[in-house]
Amino acid sequence: MIKAIIFDFDGTIIDTETAWYRAFREAYRSHGVELTLEQYSQCIGTSLHAFNPYEYLMTELGLPINKEAFRRSVHDKHAELMEQETVRPGVLGYLESAKALGIKIGLASSSSEHWVRTHLDRLKLTDYFECIRTSDHVSKVKPDPELYSQAMSALGVRGEETISVEDSPNGAKAAIAAGTVCVIVPNVLTETLNFPKSPYRASSLAELDFRHLAGRSEAS
């Protein structure tokens, strides 16, 4: 029986990822460079070690750019785009259903704790989560399963008792490696990327009945 559900944050609860890509792509184009989704996808749902979009134009292409000014322009554009974003469809319903059924709720994100909590507080979702694990808590972020392993340990559950919700290939790899039942809900940015195999995939959680996933009938 399912005893816990663990959510990714960026791109899963709210689509921060598409806004980041649009902000970076606009900044790159202002310098005559096209940032492809294939290239940018290397840093979706994980760290910036494989591809650092803040530094690529300077370190790899040698363009004379003020690093701090570039970073500010990207962040300002991202903030502007995020004003249009709300919680993704079905997320609140899953949180409410899990709470009503006594299923534990956790969060596992490759982002920083400050970033995650700032947005959860803004969205008034923080109190739903019994456990929040971020890049501040682990030595390796996704696709390594450590974030999920720590979250499950804190919640006192095993992989087979846990539903995970992910929007990126790196996140799905981490969730599956941790032994969870992974539900893949790509956003506009990640829907064309190559995901590992999972029995559950939809464009949003609104398309998947939570009670069915959790193995609970309407009468239970």
N, C-alpha and C. Protein backbone atom coordinates (compact mmCIF):
# COMPACT_ATOMS: atom_id res chain seq x y z
N MET A 1 0.84 -1.21 0.00
CA MET A 1 0.00 0.00 0.00
C MET A 1 0.87 1.26 0.00
N ILE A 2 0.43 2.25 -0.71
CA ILE A 2 1.15 3.52 -0.77
C ILE A 2 0.97 4.27 0.55
N LYS A 3 2.11 4.69 1.12
CA LYS A 3 2.09 5.40 2.40
C LYS A 3 2.60 6.84 2.30
N ALA A 4 3.22 7.16 1.17
CA ALA A 4 3.78 8.51 1.03
C ALA A 4 3.79 8.94 -0.42
N ILE A 5 3.80 10.25 -0.62
CA ILE A 5 3.99 10.83 -1.95
C ILE A 5 5.05 11.92 -1.82
N ILE A 6 6.02 11.90 -2.73
CA ILE A 6 7.11 12.88 -2.71
C ILE A 6 7.12 13.63 -4.04
N PHE A 7 7.02 14.94 -3.95
CA PHE A 7 7.00 15.80 -5.13
C PHE A 7 8.37 16.39 -5.41
N ASP A 8 8.70 16.49 -6.69
CA ASP A 8 9.73 17.40 -7.14
C ASP A 8 9.13 18.81 -7.02
N PHE A 9 9.95 19.86 -7.14
CA PHE A 9 9.39 21.21 -7.08
C PHE A 9 9.39 21.92 -8.42
N ASP A 10 10.58 22.31 -8.92
CA ASP A 10 10.66 23.11 -10.14
C ASP A 10 10.11 22.35 -11.34
N GLY A 11 9.10 22.92 -11.99
CA GLY A 11 8.52 22.30 -13.17
C GLY A 11 7.42 21.32 -12.86
N THR A 12 7.35 20.86 -11.60
CA THR A 12 6.34 19.87 -11.20
C THR A 12 5.20 20.52 -10.44
N ILE A 13 5.52 21.26 -9.38
CA ILE A 13 4.50 21.96 -8.62
C ILE A 13 4.13 23.27 -9.31
N ILE A 14 5.14 23.99 -9.76
CA ILE A 14 4.94 25.20 -10.55
C ILE A 14 5.99 25.22 -11.64
N ASP A 15 5.63 25.65 -12.82
CA ASP A 15 6.56 25.54 -13.95
C ASP A 15 7.56 26.69 -13.97
N THR A 16 8.56 26.57 -13.12
CA THR A 16 9.67 27.53 -13.14
C THR A 16 10.62 27.25 -14.29
N GLU A 17 10.66 26.00 -14.76
CA GLU A 17 11.65 25.59 -15.75
C GLU A 17 11.46 26.29 -17.10
N THR A 18 10.23 26.34 -17.60
CA THR A 18 9.99 26.98 -18.90
C THR A 18 10.38 28.45 -18.84
N ALA A 19 10.07 29.11 -17.73
CA ALA A 19 10.42 30.52 -17.58
C ALA A 19 11.94 30.72 -17.58
N TRP A 20 12.68 29.80 -16.93
CA TRP A 20 14.14 29.91 -16.94
C TRP A 20 14.68 29.76 -18.36
N TYR A 21 14.18 28.78 -19.08
CA TYR A 21 14.67 28.58 -20.45
C TYR A 21 14.37 29.79 -21.33
N ARG A 22 13.18 30.33 -21.22
CA ARG A 22 12.83 31.50 -22.02
C ARG A 22 13.70 32.70 -21.67
N ALA A 23 13.98 32.86 -20.37
CA ALA A 23 14.81 33.98 -19.93
C ALA A 23 16.25 33.84 -20.45
N PHE A 24 16.79 32.63 -20.34
CA PHE A 24 18.15 32.40 -20.83
C PHE A 24 18.22 32.51 -22.35
N ARG A 25 17.22 31.96 -23.04
CA ARG A 25 17.23 32.01 -24.50
C ARG A 25 17.20 33.45 -25.00
N GLU A 26 16.39 34.29 -24.35
CA GLU A 26 16.33 35.70 -24.73
C GLU A 26 17.67 36.39 -24.48
N ALA A 27 18.30 36.08 -23.35
CA ALA A 27 19.60 36.68 -23.02
C ALA A 27 20.68 36.23 -24.01
N TYR A 28 20.66 34.97 -24.38
CA TYR A 28 21.63 34.44 -25.35
C TYR A 28 21.44 35.11 -26.71
N ARG A 29 20.18 35.25 -27.14
CA ARG A 29 19.90 35.85 -28.45
C ARG A 29 20.37 37.30 -28.51
N SER A 30 20.35 38.00 -27.36
CA SER A 30 20.83 39.38 -27.34
C SER A 30 22.32 39.46 -27.63
N HIS A 31 23.01 38.30 -27.50
CA HIS A 31 24.44 38.22 -27.80
C HIS A 31 24.70 37.41 -29.07
N GLY A 32 23.63 37.19 -29.86
CA GLY A 32 23.77 36.50 -31.13
C GLY A 32 23.99 35.01 -31.05
N VAL A 33 23.57 34.40 -29.95
CA VAL A 33 23.76 32.96 -29.75
C VAL A 33 22.41 32.30 -29.50
N GLU A 34 22.16 31.16 -30.15
CA GLU A 34 20.92 30.41 -29.97
C GLU A 34 21.14 29.32 -28.92
N LEU A 35 20.36 29.36 -27.86
CA LEU A 35 20.42 28.33 -26.82
C LEU A 35 19.37 27.28 -27.14
N THR A 36 19.81 26.08 -27.50
CA THR A 36 18.89 25.02 -27.87
C THR A 36 18.36 24.32 -26.62
N LEU A 37 17.18 23.71 -26.76
CA LEU A 37 16.61 22.96 -25.65
C LEU A 37 17.49 21.76 -25.31
N GLU A 38 18.06 21.12 -26.32
CA GLU A 38 18.95 19.99 -26.08
C GLU A 38 20.12 20.39 -25.18
N GLN A 39 20.67 21.56 -25.46
CA GLN A 39 21.80 22.05 -24.67
C GLN A 39 21.34 22.40 -23.25
N TYR A 40 20.25 23.14 -23.16
CA TYR A 40 19.77 23.59 -21.85
C TYR A 40 19.28 22.43 -20.99
N SER A 41 18.77 21.38 -21.62
CA SER A 41 18.22 20.25 -20.87
C SER A 41 19.24 19.55 -19.97
N GLN A 42 20.51 19.79 -20.23
CA GLN A 42 21.56 19.18 -19.40
C GLN A 42 21.49 19.65 -17.95
N CYS A 43 20.89 20.81 -17.72
CA CYS A 43 20.84 21.33 -16.35
C CYS A 43 19.42 21.32 -15.77
N ILE A 44 18.47 20.74 -16.48
CA ILE A 44 17.10 20.68 -15.97
C ILE A 44 16.97 19.58 -14.93
N GLY A 45 16.52 19.94 -13.74
CA GLY A 45 16.30 18.96 -12.68
C GLY A 45 17.56 18.48 -12.00
N THR A 46 18.68 19.15 -12.23
CA THR A 46 19.94 18.72 -11.63
C THR A 46 20.79 19.95 -11.35
N SER A 47 22.11 19.75 -11.15
CA SER A 47 23.00 20.88 -10.88
C SER A 47 23.46 21.51 -12.19
N LEU A 48 24.30 22.53 -12.09
CA LEU A 48 24.82 23.22 -13.27
C LEU A 48 26.19 22.70 -13.68
N HIS A 49 26.58 21.52 -13.19
CA HIS A 49 27.91 20.99 -13.48
C HIS A 49 28.08 20.59 -14.94
N ALA A 50 27.07 19.98 -15.52
CA ALA A 50 27.17 19.53 -16.92
C ALA A 50 27.08 20.71 -17.89
N PHE A 51 26.23 21.67 -17.55
CA PHE A 51 26.07 22.86 -18.39
C PHE A 51 25.65 24.01 -17.50
N ASN A 52 26.48 25.07 -17.47
CA ASN A 52 26.17 26.24 -16.66
C ASN A 52 25.75 27.39 -17.58
N PRO A 53 24.44 27.65 -17.69
CA PRO A 53 23.97 28.66 -18.65
C PRO A 53 24.40 30.08 -18.29
N TYR A 54 24.77 30.30 -17.03
CA TYR A 54 25.23 31.62 -16.63
C TYR A 54 26.63 31.93 -17.17
N GLU A 55 27.45 30.88 -17.32
CA GLU A 55 28.85 31.09 -17.65
C GLU A 55 29.26 30.65 -19.05
N TYR A 56 28.42 29.90 -19.73
CA TYR A 56 28.78 29.32 -21.03
C TYR A 56 29.26 30.36 -22.03
N LEU A 57 28.56 31.47 -22.16
CA LEU A 57 28.93 32.48 -23.14
C LEU A 57 30.31 33.06 -22.88
N MET A 58 30.69 33.10 -21.62
CA MET A 58 31.98 33.66 -21.25
C MET A 58 33.10 32.62 -21.27
N THR A 59 32.84 31.46 -20.62
CA THR A 59 33.90 30.46 -20.47
C THR A 59 34.11 29.63 -21.74
N GLU A 60 33.03 29.33 -22.47
CA GLU A 60 33.15 28.47 -23.64
C GLU A 60 33.26 29.25 -24.95
N LEU A 61 32.54 30.37 -25.04
CA LEU A 61 32.56 31.16 -26.28
C LEU A 61 33.45 32.40 -26.18
N GLY A 62 33.89 32.71 -24.99
CA GLY A 62 34.82 33.82 -24.80
C GLY A 62 34.24 35.20 -25.07
N LEU A 63 32.93 35.35 -24.89
CA LEU A 63 32.32 36.66 -25.15
C LEU A 63 32.59 37.61 -23.97
N PRO A 64 32.86 38.88 -24.27
CA PRO A 64 33.16 39.87 -23.21
C PRO A 64 31.88 40.35 -22.53
N ILE A 65 31.39 39.59 -21.57
CA ILE A 65 30.12 39.88 -20.92
C ILE A 65 30.35 40.10 -19.42
N ASN A 66 29.67 41.10 -18.86
CA ASN A 66 29.71 41.31 -17.42
C ASN A 66 28.84 40.25 -16.75
N LYS A 67 29.47 39.39 -15.99
CA LYS A 67 28.79 38.23 -15.42
C LYS A 67 27.62 38.63 -14.54
N GLU A 68 27.80 39.61 -13.66
CA GLU A 68 26.73 39.99 -12.75
C GLU A 68 25.58 40.67 -13.48
N ALA A 69 25.91 41.49 -14.47
CA ALA A 69 24.85 42.15 -15.25
C ALA A 69 24.04 41.11 -16.03
N PHE A 70 24.72 40.12 -16.58
CA PHE A 70 24.05 39.05 -17.31
C PHE A 70 23.13 38.27 -16.38
N ARG A 71 23.62 37.93 -15.20
CA ARG A 71 22.82 37.18 -14.23
C ARG A 71 21.57 37.99 -13.83
N ARG A 72 21.75 39.27 -13.58
CA ARG A 72 20.62 40.12 -13.19
C ARG A 72 19.58 40.19 -14.29
N SER A 73 20.02 40.30 -15.54
CA SER A 73 19.06 40.39 -16.65
C SER A 73 18.24 39.11 -16.77
N VAL A 74 18.89 37.96 -16.57
CA VAL A 74 18.18 36.67 -16.64
C VAL A 74 17.18 36.57 -15.49
N HIS A 75 17.61 36.92 -14.29
CA HIS A 75 16.73 36.82 -13.12
C HIS A 75 15.54 37.79 -13.23
N ASP A 76 15.80 38.98 -13.74
CA ASP A 76 14.70 39.94 -13.90
C ASP A 76 13.66 39.44 -14.89
N LYS A 77 14.12 38.85 -15.99
CA LYS A 77 13.20 38.30 -16.99
C LYS A 77 12.43 37.12 -16.43
N HIS A 78 13.14 36.26 -15.68
CA HIS A 78 12.49 35.10 -15.07
C HIS A 78 11.40 35.55 -14.10
N ALA A 79 11.71 36.54 -13.27
CA ALA A 79 10.72 37.05 -12.32
C ALA A 79 9.49 37.60 -13.04
N GLU A 80 9.72 38.28 -14.16
CA GLU A 80 8.62 38.81 -14.95
C GLU A 80 7.73 37.69 -15.50
N LEU A 81 8.36 36.65 -16.02
CA LEU A 81 7.61 35.52 -16.57
C LEU A 81 6.87 34.74 -15.49
N MET A 82 7.48 34.63 -14.30
CA MET A 82 6.87 33.86 -13.22
C MET A 82 5.61 34.51 -12.67
N GLU A 83 5.43 35.78 -12.91
CA GLU A 83 4.21 36.45 -12.47
C GLU A 83 2.98 35.86 -13.14
N GLN A 84 3.19 35.18 -14.26
CA GLN A 84 2.08 34.58 -15.01
C GLN A 84 1.82 33.12 -14.61
N GLU A 85 2.71 32.55 -13.76
CA GLU A 85 2.62 31.13 -13.44
C GLU A 85 1.85 30.87 -12.14
N THR A 86 1.08 29.80 -12.14
CA THR A 86 0.38 29.35 -10.94
C THR A 86 0.69 27.87 -10.72
N VAL A 87 0.16 27.30 -9.66
CA VAL A 87 0.36 25.88 -9.37
C VAL A 87 -0.18 25.05 -10.53
N ARG A 88 0.58 24.03 -10.93
CA ARG A 88 0.17 23.22 -12.07
C ARG A 88 -1.12 22.44 -11.77
N PRO A 89 -1.91 22.17 -12.82
CA PRO A 89 -3.19 21.48 -12.63
C PRO A 89 -3.03 20.13 -11.90
N GLY A 90 -3.91 19.89 -10.96
CA GLY A 90 -3.94 18.61 -10.25
C GLY A 90 -3.08 18.55 -9.00
N VAL A 91 -2.12 19.45 -8.86
CA VAL A 91 -1.20 19.39 -7.71
C VAL A 91 -1.94 19.60 -6.40
N LEU A 92 -2.74 20.64 -6.32
CA LEU A 92 -3.46 20.92 -5.08
C LEU A 92 -4.42 19.78 -4.74
N GLY A 93 -5.05 19.21 -5.76
CA GLY A 93 -5.94 18.08 -5.53
C GLY A 93 -5.21 16.88 -4.94
N TYR A 94 -3.99 16.62 -5.44
CA TYR A 94 -3.19 15.52 -4.90
C TYR A 94 -2.79 15.79 -3.45
N LEU A 95 -2.41 17.03 -3.15
CA LEU A 95 -2.02 17.38 -1.79
C LEU A 95 -3.20 17.20 -0.84
N GLU A 96 -4.35 17.66 -1.25
CA GLU A 96 -5.55 17.54 -0.41
C GLU A 96 -5.96 16.08 -0.23
N SER A 97 -5.90 15.30 -1.32
CA SER A 97 -6.29 13.89 -1.25
C SER A 97 -5.34 13.11 -0.35
N ALA A 98 -4.03 13.35 -0.49
CA ALA A 98 -3.05 12.66 0.34
C ALA A 98 -3.26 12.99 1.81
N LYS A 99 -3.51 14.25 2.09
CA LYS A 99 -3.75 14.68 3.47
C LYS A 99 -5.00 14.01 4.03
N ALA A 100 -6.06 13.94 3.24
CA ALA A 100 -7.31 13.34 3.68
C ALA A 100 -7.17 11.85 3.94
N LEU A 101 -6.31 11.19 3.17
CA LEU A 101 -6.10 9.75 3.31
C LEU A 101 -5.03 9.39 4.33
N GLY A 102 -4.40 10.37 4.93
CA GLY A 102 -3.35 10.10 5.90
C GLY A 102 -2.05 9.67 5.26
N ILE A 103 -1.87 9.97 3.98
CA ILE A 103 -0.63 9.64 3.27
C ILE A 103 0.39 10.75 3.50
N LYS A 104 1.60 10.37 3.88
CA LYS A 104 2.63 11.35 4.18
C LYS A 104 3.08 12.08 2.91
N ILE A 105 3.43 13.36 3.06
CA ILE A 105 3.79 14.18 1.91
C ILE A 105 5.19 14.76 2.09
N GLY A 106 6.05 14.54 1.08
CA GLY A 106 7.40 15.06 1.12
C GLY A 106 7.75 15.78 -0.16
N LEU A 107 8.90 16.42 -0.16
CA LEU A 107 9.39 17.13 -1.33
C LEU A 107 10.88 16.87 -1.48
N ALA A 108 11.32 16.62 -2.71
CA ALA A 108 12.73 16.37 -3.00
C ALA A 108 13.13 17.20 -4.21
N SER A 109 13.99 18.20 -4.00
CA SER A 109 14.33 19.14 -5.07
C SER A 109 15.83 19.35 -5.16
N SER A 110 16.33 19.46 -6.39
CA SER A 110 17.74 19.76 -6.62
C SER A 110 18.05 21.24 -6.42
N SER A 111 17.03 22.06 -6.21
CA SER A 111 17.24 23.48 -5.95
C SER A 111 17.59 23.70 -4.48
N SER A 112 17.88 24.95 -4.12
CA SER A 112 18.23 25.26 -2.74
C SER A 112 16.97 25.32 -1.87
N GLU A 113 17.18 25.14 -0.56
CA GLU A 113 16.04 25.19 0.36
C GLU A 113 15.41 26.58 0.37
N HIS A 114 16.22 27.63 0.29
CA HIS A 114 15.70 29.00 0.29
C HIS A 114 14.77 29.22 -0.90
N TRP A 115 15.21 28.76 -2.09
CA TRP A 115 14.41 28.91 -3.30
C TRP A 115 13.07 28.19 -3.17
N VAL A 116 13.13 26.94 -2.72
CA VAL A 116 11.92 26.13 -2.62
C VAL A 116 10.95 26.71 -1.60
N ARG A 117 11.45 27.02 -0.40
CA ARG A 117 10.56 27.51 0.66
C ARG A 117 9.97 28.89 0.32
N THR A 118 10.75 29.73 -0.36
CA THR A 118 10.25 31.04 -0.76
C THR A 118 9.01 30.89 -1.64
N HIS A 119 9.09 29.98 -2.62
CA HIS A 119 7.95 29.80 -3.53
C HIS A 119 6.81 29.04 -2.87
N LEU A 120 7.12 28.05 -2.03
CA LEU A 120 6.06 27.33 -1.33
C LEU A 120 5.28 28.27 -0.42
N ASP A 121 6.00 29.16 0.25
CA ASP A 121 5.34 30.13 1.12
C ASP A 121 4.45 31.07 0.30
N ARG A 122 4.97 31.51 -0.84
CA ARG A 122 4.20 32.41 -1.70
C ARG A 122 2.91 31.73 -2.20
N LEU A 123 3.03 30.44 -2.49
CA LEU A 123 1.89 29.68 -3.00
C LEU A 123 0.99 29.14 -1.89
N LYS A 124 1.41 29.37 -0.63
CA LYS A 124 0.69 28.88 0.55
C LYS A 124 0.56 27.35 0.55
N LEU A 125 1.67 26.68 0.23
CA LEU A 125 1.69 25.22 0.17
C LEU A 125 2.61 24.59 1.21
N THR A 126 3.41 25.39 1.91
CA THR A 126 4.45 24.85 2.80
C THR A 126 3.90 23.87 3.82
N ASP A 127 2.76 24.17 4.41
CA ASP A 127 2.24 23.35 5.51
C ASP A 127 1.81 21.95 5.10
N TYR A 128 1.69 21.70 3.81
CA TYR A 128 1.33 20.35 3.36
C TYR A 128 2.48 19.37 3.55
N PHE A 129 3.72 19.85 3.57
CA PHE A 129 4.89 18.97 3.50
C PHE A 129 5.46 18.65 4.87
N GLU A 130 5.54 17.34 5.15
CA GLU A 130 6.13 16.87 6.39
C GLU A 130 7.65 16.83 6.31
N CYS A 131 8.16 16.78 5.10
CA CYS A 131 9.60 16.65 4.89
C CYS A 131 9.98 17.38 3.61
N ILE A 132 11.02 18.22 3.69
CA ILE A 132 11.54 18.92 2.51
C ILE A 132 13.05 18.66 2.44
N ARG A 133 13.49 18.06 1.34
CA ARG A 133 14.91 17.81 1.14
C ARG A 133 15.33 18.50 -0.15
N THR A 134 16.45 19.23 -0.07
CA THR A 134 16.94 20.03 -1.20
C THR A 134 18.43 19.82 -1.38
N SER A 135 19.02 20.60 -2.29
CA SER A 135 20.47 20.49 -2.53
C SER A 135 21.28 20.82 -1.29
N ASP A 136 20.69 21.52 -0.33
CA ASP A 136 21.39 21.85 0.91
C ASP A 136 21.58 20.64 1.82
N HIS A 137 20.86 19.56 1.55
CA HIS A 137 20.87 18.41 2.44
C HIS A 137 21.67 17.21 1.92
N VAL A 138 22.11 17.26 0.68
CA VAL A 138 22.75 16.08 0.08
C VAL A 138 24.09 16.43 -0.55
N SER A 139 24.89 15.40 -0.79
CA SER A 139 26.17 15.60 -1.47
C SER A 139 26.00 15.54 -2.98
N LYS A 140 24.97 14.81 -3.44
CA LYS A 140 24.70 14.69 -4.87
C LYS A 140 23.22 14.91 -5.13
N VAL A 141 22.91 15.75 -6.12
CA VAL A 141 21.51 15.98 -6.48
C VAL A 141 21.09 15.01 -7.59
N LYS A 142 19.87 15.13 -8.05
CA LYS A 142 19.36 14.27 -9.12
C LYS A 142 20.25 14.41 -10.37
N PRO A 143 20.48 13.34 -11.10
CA PRO A 143 19.78 12.05 -11.11
C PRO A 143 20.20 11.05 -10.03
N ASP A 144 21.10 11.43 -9.13
CA ASP A 144 21.43 10.56 -8.00
C ASP A 144 20.18 10.42 -7.11
N PRO A 145 19.92 9.25 -6.55
CA PRO A 145 18.70 9.04 -5.76
C PRO A 145 18.76 9.54 -4.32
N GLU A 146 19.88 10.19 -3.92
CA GLU A 146 20.06 10.55 -2.52
C GLU A 146 18.94 11.43 -1.96
N LEU A 147 18.45 12.37 -2.75
CA LEU A 147 17.36 13.23 -2.27
C LEU A 147 16.14 12.40 -1.90
N TYR A 148 15.80 11.45 -2.73
CA TYR A 148 14.65 10.59 -2.45
C TYR A 148 14.92 9.66 -1.27
N SER A 149 16.13 9.13 -1.19
CA SER A 149 16.47 8.24 -0.08
C SER A 149 16.35 8.96 1.25
N GLN A 150 16.84 10.21 1.29
CA GLN A 150 16.74 10.99 2.52
C GLN A 150 15.29 11.32 2.86
N ALA A 151 14.52 11.69 1.85
CA ALA A 151 13.11 12.04 2.09
C ALA A 151 12.33 10.83 2.60
N MET A 152 12.56 9.68 1.99
CA MET A 152 11.85 8.48 2.43
C MET A 152 12.26 8.08 3.84
N SER A 153 13.54 8.22 4.15
CA SER A 153 14.01 7.91 5.50
C SER A 153 13.34 8.81 6.53
N ALA A 154 13.24 10.10 6.20
CA ALA A 154 12.61 11.05 7.12
C ALA A 154 11.12 10.74 7.30
N LEU A 155 10.47 10.26 6.25
CA LEU A 155 9.05 9.94 6.31
C LEU A 155 8.79 8.53 6.86
N GLY A 156 9.85 7.73 6.95
CA GLY A 156 9.71 6.37 7.48
C GLY A 156 9.03 5.41 6.53
N VAL A 157 9.32 5.54 5.23
CA VAL A 157 8.69 4.68 4.23
C VAL A 157 9.74 4.07 3.30
N ARG A 158 9.34 3.01 2.59
CA ARG A 158 10.22 2.36 1.61
C ARG A 158 9.81 2.80 0.21
N GLY A 159 10.66 2.50 -0.76
CA GLY A 159 10.41 2.90 -2.13
C GLY A 159 9.10 2.40 -2.68
N GLU A 160 8.80 1.14 -2.45
CA GLU A 160 7.58 0.56 -3.00
C GLU A 160 6.31 1.11 -2.35
N GLU A 161 6.48 1.83 -1.25
CA GLU A 161 5.35 2.45 -0.57
C GLU A 161 5.19 3.93 -0.94
N THR A 162 6.00 4.37 -1.91
CA THR A 162 6.09 5.80 -2.20
C THR A 162 5.78 6.12 -3.66
N ILE A 163 4.89 7.08 -3.88
CA ILE A 163 4.68 7.66 -5.19
C ILE A 163 5.59 8.88 -5.31
N SER A 164 6.29 8.99 -6.42
CA SER A 164 7.08 10.20 -6.70
C SER A 164 6.47 10.90 -7.89
N VAL A 165 6.59 12.23 -7.94
CA VAL A 165 6.04 13.01 -9.05
C VAL A 165 7.16 13.85 -9.63
N GLU A 166 7.46 13.65 -10.92
CA GLU A 166 8.59 14.31 -11.56
C GLU A 166 8.23 14.85 -12.94
N ASP A 167 8.92 15.92 -13.33
CA ASP A 167 8.67 16.52 -14.64
C ASP A 167 9.87 16.43 -15.58
N SER A 168 11.04 15.97 -15.08
CA SER A 168 12.25 15.96 -15.90
C SER A 168 12.88 14.57 -15.94
N PRO A 169 13.66 14.26 -16.99
CA PRO A 169 14.35 12.98 -17.05
C PRO A 169 15.30 12.76 -15.88
N ASN A 170 16.06 13.81 -15.49
CA ASN A 170 16.97 13.65 -14.36
C ASN A 170 16.23 13.32 -13.08
N GLY A 171 15.11 13.99 -12.86
CA GLY A 171 14.31 13.71 -11.68
C GLY A 171 13.71 12.32 -11.70
N ALA A 172 13.18 11.91 -12.85
CA ALA A 172 12.58 10.58 -12.97
C ALA A 172 13.63 9.49 -12.75
N LYS A 173 14.84 9.69 -13.25
CA LYS A 173 15.91 8.72 -13.03
C LYS A 173 16.20 8.56 -11.54
N ALA A 174 16.24 9.68 -10.82
CA ALA A 174 16.49 9.63 -9.39
C ALA A 174 15.38 8.91 -8.65
N ALA A 175 14.13 9.22 -9.00
CA ALA A 175 12.98 8.62 -8.33
C ALA A 175 12.92 7.11 -8.57
N ILE A 176 13.18 6.70 -9.79
CA ILE A 176 13.14 5.28 -10.13
C ILE A 176 14.29 4.54 -9.48
N ALA A 177 15.47 5.16 -9.47
CA ALA A 177 16.63 4.54 -8.83
C ALA A 177 16.41 4.34 -7.33
N ALA A 178 15.59 5.20 -6.74
CA ALA A 178 15.28 5.08 -5.31
C ALA A 178 14.20 4.04 -5.04
N GLY A 179 13.64 3.47 -6.12
CA GLY A 179 12.65 2.41 -5.97
C GLY A 179 11.22 2.88 -5.83
N THR A 180 10.96 4.15 -6.10
CA THR A 180 9.60 4.67 -5.95
C THR A 180 8.75 4.37 -7.19
N VAL A 181 7.44 4.55 -7.03
CA VAL A 181 6.52 4.46 -8.16
C VAL A 181 6.46 5.85 -8.78
N CYS A 182 7.11 6.03 -9.92
CA CYS A 182 7.29 7.37 -10.48
C CYS A 182 6.15 7.76 -11.42
N VAL A 183 5.54 8.90 -11.13
CA VAL A 183 4.54 9.48 -12.00
C VAL A 183 5.20 10.63 -12.76
N ILE A 184 5.25 10.55 -14.08
CA ILE A 184 5.91 11.55 -14.91
C ILE A 184 4.88 12.52 -15.47
N VAL A 185 5.05 13.81 -15.15
CA VAL A 185 4.14 14.85 -15.65
C VAL A 185 4.98 15.97 -16.28
N PRO A 186 5.44 15.76 -17.51
CA PRO A 186 6.28 16.78 -18.16
C PRO A 186 5.55 18.10 -18.31
N ASN A 187 6.32 19.17 -18.32
CA ASN A 187 5.73 20.48 -18.61
C ASN A 187 5.99 20.82 -20.07
N VAL A 188 5.65 22.02 -20.47
CA VAL A 188 5.82 22.45 -21.87
C VAL A 188 7.27 22.31 -22.32
N LEU A 189 8.20 22.58 -21.42
CA LEU A 189 9.62 22.54 -21.76
C LEU A 189 10.15 21.12 -21.87
N THR A 190 9.72 20.24 -20.98
CA THR A 190 10.34 18.91 -20.89
C THR A 190 9.60 17.80 -21.63
N GLU A 191 8.44 18.09 -22.19
CA GLU A 191 7.62 17.03 -22.78
C GLU A 191 8.27 16.31 -23.96
N THR A 192 9.25 16.94 -24.63
CA THR A 192 9.89 16.30 -25.78
C THR A 192 11.19 15.59 -25.42
N LEU A 193 11.59 15.64 -24.15
CA LEU A 193 12.84 15.02 -23.73
C LEU A 193 12.66 13.51 -23.53
N ASN A 194 13.77 12.80 -23.48
CA ASN A 194 13.74 11.34 -23.33
C ASN A 194 13.69 10.94 -21.86
N PHE A 195 12.58 10.35 -21.46
CA PHE A 195 12.39 9.92 -20.08
C PHE A 195 12.63 8.41 -19.93
N PRO A 196 13.01 7.97 -18.73
CA PRO A 196 13.06 6.53 -18.48
C PRO A 196 11.65 5.97 -18.46
N LYS A 197 11.53 4.66 -18.59
CA LYS A 197 10.21 4.05 -18.62
C LYS A 197 9.51 4.13 -17.27
N SER A 198 8.22 4.43 -17.32
CA SER A 198 7.39 4.48 -16.12
C SER A 198 5.97 4.11 -16.51
N PRO A 199 5.24 3.40 -15.65
CA PRO A 199 3.86 3.01 -16.00
C PRO A 199 2.89 4.18 -15.98
N TYR A 200 3.29 5.31 -15.40
CA TYR A 200 2.37 6.44 -15.28
C TYR A 200 2.97 7.70 -15.89
N ARG A 201 2.28 8.24 -16.88
CA ARG A 201 2.69 9.50 -17.50
C ARG A 201 1.45 10.24 -17.99
N ALA A 202 1.43 11.55 -17.75
CA ALA A 202 0.31 12.38 -18.21
C ALA A 202 0.81 13.80 -18.35
N SER A 203 0.03 14.64 -19.03
CA SER A 203 0.44 16.03 -19.19
C SER A 203 0.24 16.82 -17.91
N SER A 204 -0.61 16.30 -17.01
CA SER A 204 -0.77 16.92 -15.69
C SER A 204 -1.36 15.90 -14.73
N LEU A 205 -1.26 16.17 -13.43
CA LEU A 205 -1.82 15.26 -12.43
C LEU A 205 -3.34 15.23 -12.49
N ALA A 206 -3.94 16.24 -13.07
CA ALA A 206 -5.40 16.29 -13.18
C ALA A 206 -5.94 15.13 -14.02
N GLU A 207 -5.07 14.52 -14.83
CA GLU A 207 -5.49 13.42 -15.70
C GLU A 207 -5.41 12.06 -15.02
N LEU A 208 -4.79 12.00 -13.83
CA LEU A 208 -4.59 10.72 -13.14
C LEU A 208 -5.29 10.74 -11.79
N ASP A 209 -6.13 9.75 -11.54
CA ASP A 209 -6.87 9.67 -10.28
C ASP A 209 -5.93 9.27 -9.14
N PHE A 210 -5.84 10.10 -8.13
CA PHE A 210 -4.90 9.83 -7.04
C PHE A 210 -5.27 8.57 -6.25
N ARG A 211 -6.53 8.39 -5.97
CA ARG A 211 -6.94 7.21 -5.20
C ARG A 211 -6.56 5.92 -5.92
N HIS A 212 -6.67 5.93 -7.23
CA HIS A 212 -6.28 4.75 -8.00
C HIS A 212 -4.78 4.50 -7.87
N LEU A 213 -3.99 5.55 -8.02
CA LEU A 213 -2.54 5.40 -7.90
C LEU A 213 -2.15 4.91 -6.51
N ALA A 214 -2.83 5.41 -5.52
CA ALA A 214 -2.48 5.08 -4.14
C ALA A 214 -3.06 3.74 -3.68
N GLY A 215 -3.83 3.11 -4.58
CA GLY A 215 -4.40 1.81 -4.23
C GLY A 215 -5.53 1.91 -3.24
N ARG A 216 -6.24 3.05 -3.27
CA ARG A 216 -7.35 3.25 -2.34
C ARG A 216 -8.65 3.35 -3.14
N SER A 217 -9.64 2.58 -2.78
CA SER A 217 -10.95 2.66 -3.45
C SER A 217 -11.74 3.82 -2.88
N GLU A 218 -12.82 4.18 -3.54
CA GLU A 218 -13.66 5.27 -3.04
C GLU A 218 -14.26 4.94 -1.68
N ALA A 219 -14.42 3.65 -1.42
CA ALA A 219 -15.04 3.25 -0.16
C ALA A 219 -14.05 3.20 0.99
N SER A 220 -12.75 3.26 0.69
CA SER A 220 -11.76 3.11 1.75
C SER A 220 -11.52 4.41 2.47
